[in-house]
PDB file of N, CA and C in Angstrom:
ATOM      1  N   MET A   1     -16.588 -29.421 -15.555  1.00  0.00           N
ATOM      2  CA  MET A   1     -17.293 -30.038 -14.171  1.00  0.00           C
ATOM      3  C   MET A   1     -16.974 -29.222 -13.081  1.00  0.00           C
ATOM      4  N   ALA A   2     -17.820 -28.947 -12.524  1.00  0.00           N
ATOM      5  CA  ALA A   2     -17.299 -28.014 -11.166  1.00  0.00           C
ATOM      6  C   ALA A   2     -16.401 -28.578 -10.110  1.00  0.00           C
ATOM      7  N   GLY A   3     -15.545 -27.877  -9.484  1.00  0.00           N
ATOM      8  CA  GLY A   3     -14.560 -28.648  -8.786  1.00  0.00           C
ATOM      9  C   GLY A   3     -13.372 -28.960  -9.408  1.00  0.00           C
ATOM     10  N   GLU A   4     -13.444 -29.073 -10.686  1.00  0.00           N
ATOM     11  CA  GLU A   4     -12.406 -29.580 -11.534  1.00  0.00           C
ATOM     12  C   GLU A   4     -11.369 -28.250 -12.034  1.00  0.00           C
ATOM     13  N   ALA A   5     -10.244 -28.234 -12.152  1.00  0.00           N
ATOM     14  CA  ALA A   5      -9.886 -27.336 -13.068  1.00  0.00           C
ATOM     15  C   ALA A   5     -10.399 -27.273 -14.687  1.00  0.00           C
ATOM     16  N   GLN A   6     -10.409 -26.085 -14.932  1.00  0.00           N
ATOM     17  CA  GLN A   6     -11.141 -25.707 -16.256  1.00  0.00           C
ATOM     18  C   GLN A   6      -9.623 -25.516 -17.165  1.00  0.00           C
ATOM     19  N   ALA A   7      -9.683 -25.960 -18.250  1.00  0.00           N
ATOM     20  CA  ALA A   7      -8.714 -25.809 -19.375  1.00  0.00           C
ATOM     21  C   ALA A   7      -8.588 -24.277 -19.746  1.00  0.00           C
ATOM     22  N   ASP A   8      -9.791 -23.560 -19.983  1.00  0.00           N
ATOM     23  CA  ASP A   8     -10.013 -22.233 -20.512  1.00  0.00           C
ATOM     24  C   ASP A   8     -10.164 -21.420 -19.644  1.00  0.00           C
ATOM     25  N   CYS A   9     -10.317 -21.707 -18.220  1.00  0.00           N
ATOM     26  CA  CYS A   9     -10.227 -20.962 -17.008  1.00  0.00           C
ATOM     27  C   CYS A   9      -8.785 -20.140 -16.670  1.00  0.00           C
ATOM     28  N   LEU A  10      -8.873 -18.578 -16.902  1.00  0.00           N
ATOM     29  CA  LEU A  10      -7.796 -17.954 -16.786  1.00  0.00           C
ATOM     30  C   LEU A  10      -7.074 -18.266 -15.155  1.00  0.00           C
ATOM     31  N   PHE A  11      -8.143 -18.233 -14.205  1.00  0.00           N
ATOM     32  CA  PHE A  11      -7.700 -18.172 -12.817  1.00  0.00           C
ATOM     33  C   PHE A  11      -7.078 -19.676 -12.302  1.00  0.00           C
ATOM     34  N   CYS A  12      -7.718 -20.779 -13.418  1.00  0.00           N
ATOM     35  CA  CYS A  12      -7.406 -21.985 -12.988  1.00  0.00           C
ATOM     36  C   CYS A  12      -5.806 -21.856 -13.483  1.00  0.00           C
ATOM     37  N   LYS A  13      -5.673 -21.365 -14.883  1.00  0.00           N
ATOM     38  CA  LYS A  13      -4.196 -21.278 -15.344  1.00  0.00           C
ATOM     39  C   LYS A  13      -3.170 -20.493 -14.199  1.00  0.00           C
ATOM     40  N   ILE A  14      -3.803 -19.403 -13.567  1.00  0.00           N
ATOM     41  CA  ILE A  14      -3.027 -18.992 -12.775  1.00  0.00           C
ATOM     42  C   ILE A  14      -2.778 -20.036 -11.442  1.00  0.00           C
ATOM     43  N   VAL A  15      -3.623 -20.596 -10.843  1.00  0.00           N
ATOM     44  CA  VAL A  15      -3.408 -21.378  -9.974  1.00  0.00           C
ATOM     45  C   VAL A  15      -2.416 -22.250 -10.306  1.00  0.00           C
ATOM     46  N   SER A  16      -2.413 -23.020 -11.562  1.00  0.00           N
ATOM     47  CA  SER A  16      -1.457 -24.026 -11.812  1.00  0.00           C
ATOM     48  C   SER A  16      -0.159 -23.593 -12.362  1.00  0.00           C
ATOM     49  N   GLY A  17       0.208 -22.230 -12.269  1.00  0.00           N
ATOM     50  CA  GLY A  17       1.424 -21.442 -12.609  1.00  0.00           C
ATOM     51  C   GLY A  17       1.705 -21.560 -14.054  1.00  0.00           C
ATOM     52  N   GLU A  18       0.459 -21.593 -14.955  1.00  0.00           N
ATOM     53  CA  GLU A  18       0.600 -21.722 -16.456  1.00  0.00           C
ATOM     54  C   GLU A  18       0.899 -20.358 -16.664  1.00  0.00           C
ATOM     55  N   VAL A  19      -0.062 -19.398 -15.999  1.00  0.00           N
ATOM     56  CA  VAL A  19      -0.249 -18.016 -16.197  1.00  0.00           C
ATOM     57  C   VAL A  19       0.385 -17.210 -14.697  1.00  0.00           C
ATOM     58  N   PRO A  20       1.107 -16.385 -15.046  1.00  0.00           N
ATOM     59  CA  PRO A  20       2.127 -15.735 -14.142  1.00  0.00           C
ATOM     60  C   PRO A  20       0.948 -14.853 -13.194  1.00  0.00           C
ATOM     61  N   ALA A  21       1.160 -14.283 -12.045  1.00  0.00           N
ATOM     62  CA  ALA A  21       0.499 -13.423 -11.122  1.00  0.00           C
ATOM     63  C   ALA A  21       1.451 -13.199 -10.226  1.00  0.00           C
ATOM     64  N   ASP A  22       0.836 -11.965  -9.429  1.00  0.00           N
ATOM     65  CA  ASP A  22       1.865 -11.533  -8.194  1.00  0.00           C
ATOM     66  C   ASP A  22       1.189 -11.893  -7.070  1.00  0.00           C
ATOM     67  N   VAL A  23       1.551 -12.970  -6.559  1.00  0.00           N
ATOM     68  CA  VAL A  23       1.098 -13.621  -5.561  1.00  0.00           C
ATOM     69  C   VAL A  23       1.306 -12.810  -3.945  1.00  0.00           C
ATOM     70  N   VAL A  24       0.133 -12.786  -3.463  1.00  0.00           N
ATOM     71  CA  VAL A  24       0.475 -12.390  -2.163  1.00  0.00           C
ATOM     72  C   VAL A  24      -0.052 -13.317  -1.219  1.00  0.00           C
ATOM     73  N   ARG A  25      -0.605 -13.993  -0.992  1.00  0.00           N
ATOM     74  CA  ARG A  25      -0.658 -15.379  -0.403  1.00  0.00           C
ATOM     75  C   ARG A  25      -1.270 -16.300  -1.012  1.00  0.00           C
ATOM     76  N   GLU A  26      -0.992 -17.715  -0.444  1.00  0.00           N
ATOM     77  CA  GLU A  26      -1.434 -19.088  -0.689  1.00  0.00           C
ATOM     78  C   GLU A  26      -1.601 -19.936   0.725  1.00  0.00           C
ATOM     79  N   THR A  27      -2.765 -20.370   0.455  1.00  0.00           N
ATOM     80  CA  THR A  27      -2.815 -21.462   1.632  1.00  0.00           C
ATOM     81  C   THR A  27      -3.302 -22.750   1.068  1.00  0.00           C
ATOM     82  N   GLU A  28      -3.446 -23.776   1.534  1.00  0.00           N
ATOM     83  CA  GLU A  28      -3.861 -25.320   0.889  1.00  0.00           C
ATOM     84  C   GLU A  28      -5.260 -25.285   0.000  1.00  0.00           C
ATOM     85  N   THR A  29      -6.143 -24.200   0.248  1.00  0.00           N
ATOM     86  CA  THR A  29      -7.317 -24.380  -0.449  1.00  0.00           C
ATOM     87  C   THR A  29      -7.397 -22.705  -1.323  1.00  0.00           C
ATOM     88  N   THR A  30      -6.641 -21.819  -1.140  1.00  0.00           N
ATOM     89  CA  THR A  30      -6.904 -20.458  -1.642  1.00  0.00           C
ATOM     90  C   THR A  30      -5.674 -20.046  -2.006  1.00  0.00           C
ATOM     91  N   TYR A  31      -5.855 -19.270  -3.019  1.00  0.00           N
ATOM     92  CA  TYR A  31      -4.660 -18.199  -3.712  1.00  0.00           C
ATOM     93  C   TYR A  31      -5.153 -16.985  -3.952  1.00  0.00           C
ATOM     94  N   ALA A  32      -4.309 -15.989  -3.484  1.00  0.00           N
ATOM     95  CA  ALA A  32      -4.381 -14.614  -3.622  1.00  0.00           C
ATOM     96  C   ALA A  32      -3.564 -13.815  -4.136  1.00  0.00           C
ATOM     97  N   PHE A  33      -4.075 -12.810  -5.366  1.00  0.00           N
ATOM     98  CA  PHE A  33      -2.881 -12.328  -5.984  1.00  0.00           C
ATOM     99  C   PHE A  33      -3.350 -11.131  -6.476  1.00  0.00           C
ATOM    100  N   ARG A  34      -2.580  -9.951  -7.103  1.00  0.00           N
ATOM    101  CA  ARG A  34      -2.998  -8.531  -7.168  1.00  0.00           C
ATOM    102  C   ARG A  34      -3.690  -8.456  -8.445  1.00  0.00           C
ATOM    103  N   ASP A  35      -4.557  -7.566  -8.250  1.00  0.00           N
ATOM    104  CA  ASP A  35      -5.493  -7.456  -9.687  1.00  0.00           C
ATOM    105  C   ASP A  35      -4.759  -6.638 -10.854  1.00  0.00           C
ATOM    106  N   ILE A  36      -4.837  -7.078 -11.972  1.00  0.00           N
ATOM    107  CA  ILE A  36      -4.031  -6.311 -12.831  1.00  0.00           C
ATOM    108  C   ILE A  36      -4.575  -5.025 -13.484  1.00  0.00           C
ATOM    109  N   ASN A  37      -5.476  -4.635 -12.768  1.00  0.00           N
ATOM    110  CA  ASN A  37      -6.562  -3.525 -13.247  1.00  0.00           C
ATOM    111  C   ASN A  37      -6.968  -2.857 -11.958  1.00  0.00           C
ATOM    112  N   PRO A  38      -5.870  -2.539 -10.965  1.00  0.00           N
ATOM    113  CA  PRO A  38      -6.620  -1.920  -9.363  1.00  0.00           C
ATOM    114  C   PRO A  38      -7.322  -0.897  -9.578  1.00  0.00           C
ATOM    115  N   GLN A  39      -8.646  -1.322  -8.648  1.00  0.00           N
ATOM    116  CA  GLN A  39      -9.522  -0.177  -8.650  1.00  0.00           C
ATOM    117  C   GLN A  39      -9.316   0.751  -7.234  1.00  0.00           C
ATOM    118  N   ALA A  40      -8.167   0.451  -6.316  1.00  0.00           N
ATOM    119  CA  ALA A  40      -7.849   1.004  -5.540  1.00  0.00           C
ATOM    120  C   ALA A  40      -6.577   0.906  -4.855  1.00  0.00           C
ATOM    121  N   PRO A  41      -5.744   1.474  -3.916  1.00  0.00           N
ATOM    122  CA  PRO A  41      -4.479   1.110  -3.788  1.00  0.00           C
ATOM    123  C   PRO A  41      -4.388  -0.324  -3.390  1.00  0.00           C
ATOM    124  N   VAL A  42      -5.059  -0.923  -2.907  1.00  0.00           N
ATOM    125  CA  VAL A  42      -4.989  -2.321  -2.480  1.00  0.00           C
ATOM    126  C   VAL A  42      -6.113  -2.860  -3.215  1.00  0.00           C
ATOM    127  N   HIS A  43      -5.739  -3.590  -4.289  1.00  0.00           N
ATOM    128  CA  HIS A  43      -6.673  -4.503  -4.692  1.00  0.00           C
ATOM    129  C   HIS A  43      -6.071  -6.002  -5.272  1.00  0.00           C
ATOM    130  N   VAL A  44      -6.491  -7.081  -4.286  1.00  0.00           N
ATOM    131  CA  VAL A  44      -5.938  -8.109  -4.232  1.00  0.00           C
ATOM    132  C   VAL A  44      -7.525  -9.150  -4.645  1.00  0.00           C
ATOM    133  N   LEU A  45      -7.291 -10.447  -5.359  1.00  0.00           N
ATOM    134  CA  LEU A  45      -8.288 -11.138  -5.674  1.00  0.00           C
ATOM    135  C   LEU A  45      -7.838 -12.564  -4.971  1.00  0.00           C
ATOM    136  N   VAL A  46      -8.942 -13.120  -4.273  1.00  0.00           N
ATOM    137  CA  VAL A  46      -8.661 -14.294  -3.686  1.00  0.00           C
ATOM    138  C   VAL A  46      -9.430 -15.214  -4.151  1.00  0.00           C
ATOM    139  N   ILE A  47      -9.115 -16.563  -4.187  1.00  0.00           N
ATOM    140  CA  ILE A  47      -9.654 -17.353  -5.338  1.00  0.00           C
ATOM    141  C   ILE A  47      -9.953 -18.866  -4.537  1.00  0.00           C
ATOM    142  N   PRO A  48     -10.441 -19.518  -4.709  1.00  0.00           N
ATOM    143  CA  PRO A  48     -10.550 -20.957  -4.221  1.00  0.00           C
ATOM    144  C   PRO A  48      -9.583 -21.619  -5.307  1.00  0.00           C
ATOM    145  N   LYS A  49      -8.653 -22.784  -5.022  1.00  0.00           N
ATOM    146  CA  LYS A  49      -7.784 -23.478  -5.926  1.00  0.00           C
ATOM    147  C   LYS A  49      -8.789 -24.162  -6.444  1.00  0.00           C
ATOM    148  N   VAL A  50     -10.026 -24.604  -6.335  1.00  0.00           N
ATOM    149  CA  VAL A  50     -10.777 -25.586  -7.008  1.00  0.00           C
ATOM    150  C   VAL A  50     -11.756 -24.801  -7.843  1.00  0.00           C
ATOM    151  N   HIS A  51     -12.122 -25.153  -8.891  1.00  0.00           N
ATOM    152  CA  HIS A  51     -12.911 -23.948 -10.060  1.00  0.00           C
ATOM    153  C   HIS A  51     -14.522 -24.548  -9.421  1.00  0.00           C
ATOM    154  N   TYR A  52     -15.064 -23.209  -9.073  1.00  0.00           N
ATOM    155  CA  TYR A  52     -16.287 -23.170  -9.040  1.00  0.00           C
ATOM    156  C   TYR A  52     -17.018 -21.949  -9.906  1.00  0.00           C
ATOM    157  N   PRO A  53     -17.874 -21.840 -10.675  1.00  0.00           N
ATOM    158  CA  PRO A  53     -18.129 -20.307 -11.265  1.00  0.00           C
ATOM    159  C   PRO A  53     -18.300 -19.379 -10.486  1.00  0.00           C
ATOM    160  N   ASP A  54     -19.082 -19.178  -9.576  1.00  0.00           N
ATOM    161  CA  ASP A  54     -19.636 -18.497  -8.829  1.00  0.00           C
ATOM    162  C   ASP A  54     -19.720 -18.400  -7.213  1.00  0.00           C
ATOM    163  N   ALA A  55     -19.627 -17.515  -6.309  1.00  0.00           N
ATOM    164  CA  ALA A  55     -19.728 -17.609  -4.768  1.00  0.00           C
ATOM    165  C   ALA A  55     -20.886 -18.815  -4.208  1.00  0.00           C
ATOM    166  N   GLY A  56     -22.027 -18.220  -5.030  1.00  0.00           N
ATOM    167  CA  GLY A  56     -23.154 -19.504  -4.566  1.00  0.00           C
ATOM    168  C   GLY A  56     -22.844 -20.837  -4.749  1.00  0.00           C
ATOM    169  N   THR A  57     -22.497 -21.189  -6.004  1.00  0.00           N
ATOM    170  CA  THR A  57     -21.921 -22.447  -6.173  1.00  0.00           C
ATOM    171  C   THR A  57     -20.968 -23.059  -5.389  1.00  0.00           C
ATOM    172  N   LEU A  58     -19.930 -22.307  -5.008  1.00  0.00           N
ATOM    173  CA  LEU A  58     -18.897 -23.005  -4.222  1.00  0.00           C
ATOM    174  C   LEU A  58     -19.297 -23.039  -2.695  1.00  0.00           C
ATOM    175  N   ALA A  59     -20.394 -22.155  -2.376  1.00  0.00           N
ATOM    176  CA  ALA A  59     -20.725 -21.999  -0.992  1.00  0.00           C
ATOM    177  C   ALA A  59     -21.475 -23.595  -0.963  1.00  0.00           C
ATOM    178  N   ALA A  60     -22.435 -23.782  -1.889  1.00  0.00           N
ATOM    179  CA  ALA A  60     -23.395 -24.882  -1.891  1.00  0.00           C
ATOM    180  C   ALA A  60     -22.731 -26.168  -1.948  1.00  0.00           C
ATOM    181  N   ALA A  61     -21.506 -26.526  -2.661  1.00  0.00           N
ATOM    182  CA  ALA A  61     -20.885 -27.442  -2.995  1.00  0.00           C
ATOM    183  C   ALA A  61     -19.726 -27.899  -2.009  1.00  0.00           C
ATOM    184  N   GLU A  62     -19.270 -26.662  -1.531  1.00  0.00           N
ATOM    185  CA  GLU A  62     -17.815 -26.816  -0.463  1.00  0.00           C
ATOM    186  C   GLU A  62     -17.951 -25.354   0.459  1.00  0.00           C
ATOM    187  N   PRO A  63     -19.035 -25.769   1.179  1.00  0.00           N
ATOM    188  CA  PRO A  63     -18.885 -24.609   2.578  1.00  0.00           C
ATOM    189  C   PRO A  63     -17.686 -24.285   3.156  1.00  0.00           C
ATOM    190  N   GLN A  64     -16.845 -25.304   3.236  1.00  0.00           N
ATOM    191  CA  GLN A  64     -15.588 -25.140   4.015  1.00  0.00           C
ATOM    192  C   GLN A  64     -14.395 -24.019   3.272  1.00  0.00           C
ATOM    193  N   ILE A  65     -14.544 -24.522   2.037  1.00  0.00           N
ATOM    194  CA  ILE A  65     -13.788 -23.725   1.519  1.00  0.00           C
ATOM    195  C   ILE A  65     -14.372 -22.340   0.926  1.00  0.00           C
ATOM    196  N   ALA A  66     -15.702 -22.547   0.680  1.00  0.00           N
ATOM    197  CA  ALA A  66     -16.057 -20.826   0.687  1.00  0.00           C
ATOM    198  C   ALA A  66     -15.511 -19.912   2.110  1.00  0.00           C
ATOM    199  N   ALA A  67     -15.860 -20.539   3.160  1.00  0.00           N
ATOM    200  CA  ALA A  67     -15.367 -19.949   4.415  1.00  0.00           C
ATOM    201  C   ALA A  67     -13.848 -19.676   4.180  1.00  0.00           C
ATOM    202  N   ASP A  68     -13.144 -20.616   3.760  1.00  0.00           N
ATOM    203  CA  ASP A  68     -11.717 -20.366   3.489  1.00  0.00           C
ATOM    204  C   ASP A  68     -11.399 -19.037   2.747  1.00  0.00           C
ATOM    205  N   VAL A  69     -11.907 -19.101   2.007  1.00  0.00           N
ATOM    206  CA  VAL A  69     -12.005 -17.624   1.029  1.00  0.00           C
ATOM    207  C   VAL A  69     -12.093 -16.355   1.748  1.00  0.00           C
ATOM    208  N   LEU A  70     -13.157 -16.240   2.467  1.00  0.00           N
ATOM    209  CA  LEU A  70     -13.614 -15.320   3.295  1.00  0.00           C
ATOM    210  C   LEU A  70     -12.291 -15.116   4.566  1.00  0.00           C
ATOM    211  N   ARG A  71     -11.753 -16.290   4.940  1.00  0.00           N
ATOM    212  CA  ARG A  71     -10.825 -16.209   6.051  1.00  0.00           C
ATOM    213  C   ARG A  71      -9.761 -15.580   5.398  1.00  0.00           C
ATOM    214  N   ALA A  72      -9.344 -16.051   4.187  1.00  0.00           N
ATOM    215  CA  ALA A  72      -8.167 -15.573   3.305  1.00  0.00           C
ATOM    216  C   ALA A  72      -8.077 -13.861   3.035  1.00  0.00           C
ATOM    217  N   CYS A  73      -9.425 -13.698   2.748  1.00  0.00           N
ATOM    218  CA  CYS A  73      -9.514 -12.005   2.606  1.00  0.00           C
ATOM    219  C   CYS A  73      -9.301 -11.551   3.764  1.00  0.00           C
ATOM    220  N   ALA A  74      -9.508 -11.635   5.083  1.00  0.00           N
ATOM    221  CA  ALA A  74      -9.331 -10.978   6.162  1.00  0.00           C
ATOM    222  C   ALA A  74      -7.764 -11.096   6.241  1.00  0.00           C
ATOM    223  N   GLU A  75      -7.269 -12.426   6.141  1.00  0.00           N
ATOM    224  CA  GLU A  75      -5.846 -12.360   6.403  1.00  0.00           C
ATOM    225  C   GLU A  75      -5.113 -11.346   5.472  1.00  0.00           C
ATOM    226  N   VAL A  76      -5.556 -11.291   4.101  1.00  0.00           N
ATOM    227  CA  VAL A  76      -5.033 -10.541   2.765  1.00  0.00           C
ATOM    228  C   VAL A  76      -4.981  -8.863   3.527  1.00  0.00           C
ATOM    229  N   ALA A  77      -6.055  -8.648   3.937  1.00  0.00           N
ATOM    230  CA  ALA A  77      -6.084  -7.414   4.647  1.00  0.00           C
ATOM    231  C   ALA A  77      -5.511  -6.920   5.650  1.00  0.00           C
ATOM    232  N   ALA A  78      -5.336  -7.668   6.739  1.00  0.00           N
ATOM    233  CA  ALA A  78      -4.208  -7.866   7.625  1.00  0.00           C
ATOM    234  C   ALA A  78      -2.828  -7.543   7.251  1.00  0.00           C
ATOM    235  N   GLN A  79      -2.390  -8.564   6.182  1.00  0.00           N
ATOM    236  CA  GLN A  79      -1.184  -8.395   5.664  1.00  0.00           C
ATOM    237  C   GLN A  79      -0.976  -6.971   4.840  1.00  0.00           C
ATOM    238  N   GLU A  80      -1.776  -6.721   4.223  1.00  0.00           N
ATOM    239  CA  GLU A  80      -1.849  -5.257   3.169  1.00  0.00           C
ATOM    240  C   GLU A  80      -1.768  -4.118   4.132  1.00  0.00           C
ATOM    241  N   LYS A  81      -2.279  -4.242   5.649  1.00  0.00           N
ATOM    242  CA  LYS A  81      -2.411  -3.362   6.297  1.00  0.00           C
ATOM    243  C   LYS A  81      -3.488  -2.400   6.206  1.00  0.00           C
ATOM    244  N   ILE A  82      -4.566  -3.043   5.994  1.00  0.00           N
ATOM    245  CA  ILE A  82      -5.807  -2.277   5.670  1.00  0.00           C
ATOM    246  C   ILE A  82      -7.133  -2.789   6.571  1.00  0.00           C
ATOM    247  N   ALA A  83      -6.776  -3.852   7.200  1.00  0.00           N
ATOM    248  CA  ALA A  83      -7.831  -4.301   8.020  1.00  0.00           C
ATOM    249  C   ALA A  83      -8.254  -3.221   9.163  1.00  0.00           C
ATOM    250  N   ASP A  84      -7.171  -2.320   9.896  1.00  0.00           N
ATOM    251  CA  ASP A  84      -7.860  -1.290  10.781  1.00  0.00           C
ATOM    252  C   ASP A  84      -8.286  -0.285  10.273  1.00  0.00           C
ATOM    253  N   THR A  85      -8.187   0.253   9.047  1.00  0.00           N
ATOM    254  CA  THR A  85      -8.735   1.313   8.549  1.00  0.00           C
ATOM    255  C   THR A  85     -10.158   0.871   7.649  1.00  0.00           C
ATOM    256  N   GLY A  86     -10.027  -0.406   7.199  1.00  0.00           N
ATOM    257  CA  GLY A  86     -11.413  -0.663   6.484  1.00  0.00           C
ATOM    258  C   GLY A  86     -10.857  -1.153   5.152  1.00  0.00           C
ATOM    259  N   PHE A  87     -11.956  -2.339   4.811  1.00  0.00           N
ATOM    260  CA  PHE A  87     -11.448  -2.586   3.503  1.00  0.00           C
ATOM    261  C   PHE A  87     -12.939  -3.302   3.229  1.00  0.00           C
ATOM    262  N   ARG A  88     -12.950  -3.534   1.630  1.00  0.00           N
ATOM    263  CA  ARG A  88     -14.181  -3.927   1.086  1.00  0.00           C
ATOM    264  C   ARG A  88     -13.990  -5.130   0.403  1.00  0.00           C
ATOM    265  N   ILE A  89     -14.987  -6.367   1.015  1.00  0.00           N
ATOM    266  CA  ILE A  89     -14.805  -7.666   0.070  1.00  0.00           C
ATOM    267  C   ILE A  89     -16.228  -7.457  -1.130  1.00  0.00           C
ATOM    268  N   VAL A  90     -15.927  -7.712  -2.409  1.00  0.00           N
ATOM    269  CA  VAL A  90     -16.906  -7.757  -3.467  1.00  0.00           C
ATOM    270  C   VAL A  90     -16.542  -9.225  -3.982  1.00  0.00           C
ATOM    271  N   LEU A  91     -17.976  -9.780  -4.161  1.00  0.00           N
ATOM    272  CA  LEU A  91     -18.082 -11.111  -4.966  1.00  0.00           C
ATOM    273  C   LEU A  91     -19.173 -10.483  -5.708  1.00  0.00           C
ATOM    274  N   ASN A  92     -18.707 -10.424  -6.992  1.00  0.00           N
ATOM    275  CA  ASN A  92     -19.689 -10.635  -8.267  1.00  0.00           C
ATOM    276  C   ASN A  92     -20.161 -11.558  -8.832  1.00  0.00           C
ATOM    277  N   THR A  93     -21.379 -11.744  -8.881  1.00  0.00           N
ATOM    278  CA  THR A  93     -21.992 -13.347  -9.588  1.00  0.00           C
ATOM    279  C   THR A  93     -22.744 -12.744 -10.733  1.00  0.00           C
ATOM    280  N   GLY A  94     -22.318 -13.378 -11.795  1.00  0.00           N
ATOM    281  CA  GLY A  94     -23.053 -13.187 -13.192  1.00  0.00           C
ATOM    282  C   GLY A  94     -22.641 -12.038 -13.837  1.00  0.00           C
ATOM    283  N   PRO A  95     -22.960 -12.111 -15.294  1.00  0.00           N
ATOM    284  CA  PRO A  95     -22.072 -11.131 -15.833  1.00  0.00           C
ATOM    285  C   PRO A  95     -23.156  -9.477 -15.449  1.00  0.00           C
ATOM    286  N   GLY A  96     -24.137  -9.845 -15.022  1.00  0.00           N
ATOM    287  CA  GLY A  96     -25.168  -8.468 -14.791  1.00  0.00           C
ATOM    288  C   GLY A  96     -24.599  -8.077 -13.634  1.00  0.00           C
ATOM    289  N   ALA A  97     -23.969  -8.635 -12.760  1.00  0.00           N
ATOM    290  CA  ALA A  97     -23.368  -8.139 -11.799  1.00  0.00           C
ATOM    291  C   ALA A  97     -21.619  -7.703 -11.913  1.00  0.00           C
ATOM    292  N   GLY A  98     -21.176  -7.574 -13.201  1.00  0.00           N
ATOM    293  CA  GLY A  98     -19.705  -7.290 -13.461  1.00  0.00           C
ATOM    294  C   GLY A  98     -18.822  -8.421 -13.573  1.00  0.00           C
ATOM    295  N   GLN A  99     -19.120  -9.804 -13.417  1.00  0.00           N
ATOM    296  CA  GLN A  99     -18.250 -10.816 -13.143  1.00  0.00           C
ATOM    297  C   GLN A  99     -18.000 -11.148 -14.737  1.00  0.00           C
ATOM    298  N   THR A 100     -16.370 -11.398 -14.749  1.00  0.00           N
ATOM    299  CA  THR A 100     -16.199 -11.283 -16.257  1.00  0.00           C
ATOM    300  C   THR A 100     -15.181 -12.653 -16.196  1.00  0.00           C
ATOM    301  N   VAL A 101     -14.563 -13.184 -15.297  1.00  0.00           N
ATOM    302  CA  VAL A 101     -13.997 -14.575 -15.037  1.00  0.00           C
ATOM    303  C   VAL A 101     -14.876 -15.532 -14.177  1.00  0.00           C
ATOM    304  N   PHE A 102     -15.399 -16.433 -15.041  1.00  0.00           N
ATOM    305  CA  PHE A 102     -16.476 -17.426 -14.210  1.00  0.00           C
ATOM    306  C   PHE A 102     -15.745 -18.437 -13.249  1.00  0.00           C
ATOM    307  N   HIS A 103     -14.671 -18.048 -12.629  1.00  0.00           N
ATOM    308  CA  HIS A 103     -14.076 -18.663 -11.537  1.00  0.00           C
ATOM    309  C   HIS A 103     -14.472 -17.886 -10.223  1.00  0.00           C
ATOM    310  N   THR A 104     -14.975 -18.132  -9.149  1.00  0.00           N
ATOM    311  CA  THR A 104     -15.170 -17.633  -7.757  1.00  0.00           C
ATOM    312  C   THR A 104     -13.987 -16.695  -7.302  1.00  0.00           C
ATOM    313  N   HIS A 105     -14.293 -15.606  -7.383  1.00  0.00           N
ATOM    314  CA  HIS A 105     -13.096 -14.770  -6.789  1.00  0.00           C
ATOM    315  C   HIS A 105     -13.828 -13.410  -6.217  1.00  0.00           C
ATOM    316  N   ALA A 106     -12.799 -13.129  -5.049  1.00  0.00           N
ATOM    317  CA  ALA A 106     -13.480 -12.149  -4.096  1.00  0.00           C
ATOM    318  C   ALA A 106     -12.099 -11.102  -4.174  1.00  0.00           C
ATOM    319  N   HIS A 107     -12.840  -9.868  -4.356  1.00  0.00           N
ATOM    320  CA  HIS A 107     -12.096  -8.907  -4.468  1.00  0.00           C
ATOM    321  C   HIS A 107     -12.044  -8.197  -3.298  1.00  0.00           C
ATOM    322  N   VAL A 108     -10.442  -7.732  -2.878  1.00  0.00           N
ATOM    323  CA  VAL A 108     -10.298  -7.389  -1.353  1.00  0.00           C
ATOM    324  C   VAL A 108      -9.823  -5.522  -1.683  1.00  0.00           C
ATOM    325  N   LEU A 109     -10.217  -4.819  -1.280  1.00  0.00           N
ATOM    326  CA  LEU A 109      -9.916  -3.398  -1.929  1.00  0.00           C
ATOM    327  C   LEU A 109     -10.202  -2.705  -0.533  1.00  0.00           C
ATOM    328  N   GLY A 110      -9.265  -1.766  -0.607  1.00  0.00           N
ATOM    329  CA  GLY A 110      -8.703  -0.663   0.403  1.00  0.00           C
ATOM    330  C   GLY A 110      -7.402   0.302   0.109  1.00  0.00           C
ATOM    331  N   GLY A 111      -7.360   0.953   1.190  1.00  0.00           N
ATOM    332  CA  GLY A 111      -6.124   1.734   1.194  1.00  0.00           C
ATOM    333  C   GLY A 111      -6.610   3.337   0.606  1.00  0.00           C
ATOM    334  N   ARG A 112      -7.959   3.395   0.243  1.00  0.00           N
ATOM    335  CA  ARG A 112      -8.685   4.744   0.323  1.00  0.00           C
ATOM    336  C   ARG A 112     -10.157   4.794   0.834  1.00  0.00           C
ATOM    337  N   GLY A 113     -10.743   5.877   0.738  1.00  0.00           N
ATOM    338  CA  GLY A 113     -12.239   5.776   1.083  1.00  0.00           C
ATOM    339  C   GLY A 113     -12.781   5.173   0.032  1.00  0.00           C
ATOM    340  N   LEU A 114     -14.034   4.396   0.515  1.00  0.00           N
ATOM    341  CA  LEU A 114     -14.691   3.599  -0.396  1.00  0.00           C
ATOM    342  C   LEU A 114     -16.391   4.230  -0.364  1.00  0.00           C
ATOM    343  N   GLU A 115     -16.613   4.749  -1.350  1.00  0.00           N
ATOM    344  CA  GLU A 115     -17.933   5.422  -1.157  1.00  0.00           C
ATOM    345  C   GLU A 115     -19.036   4.166  -1.381  1.00  0.00           C
ATOM    346  N   TRP A 116     -20.304   4.205  -0.976  1.00  0.00           N
ATOM    347  CA  TRP A 116     -21.252   3.616  -1.338  1.00  0.00           C
ATOM    348  C   TRP A 116     -22.401   4.174  -1.296  1.00  0.00           C
ATOM    349  N   PRO A 117     -23.215   4.262  -2.346  1.00  0.00           N
ATOM    350  CA  PRO A 117     -22.774   2.958  -3.365  1.00  0.00           C
ATOM    351  C   PRO A 117     -21.628   3.475  -4.266  1.00  0.00           C
ATOM    352  N   PRO A 118     -20.800   2.037  -4.850  1.00  0.00           N
ATOM    353  CA  PRO A 118     -19.769   2.460  -5.590  1.00  0.00           C
ATOM    354  C   PRO A 118     -20.027   3.287  -6.852  1.00  0.00           C
ATOM    355  N   GLY A 119     -19.036   4.061  -7.357  1.00  0.00           N
ATOM    356  CA  GLY A 119     -19.405   4.741  -8.319  1.00  0.00           C
ATOM    357  C   GLY A 119     -18.799   4.116  -9.632  1.00  0.00           C
TER     358      GLY A 119
END
């Protein structure tokens, strides 16, 4: 059920401490940790602590937590010292967009030039 931890969800297991992660930042509603397969010098995932499969579902059900995720992305960028040089926030939705873990997550990427469209 959306909003509740899912036993088979990798990110729910990270939030619960069942699976270790390199935690960068934590708030009451969000959790941020380094991606295990970084695509840039800084690549941090920011997730809500509650389980929703994608950003649209999260925003419809809990708009304040969706805003918290975006706020946490900006805080991570500042903490990682990429806010002034520029960073990208990516929210993939669905398998056709490259989403592989179906727990809302934002990728915070920076520390190098980021081309558009992405290669």
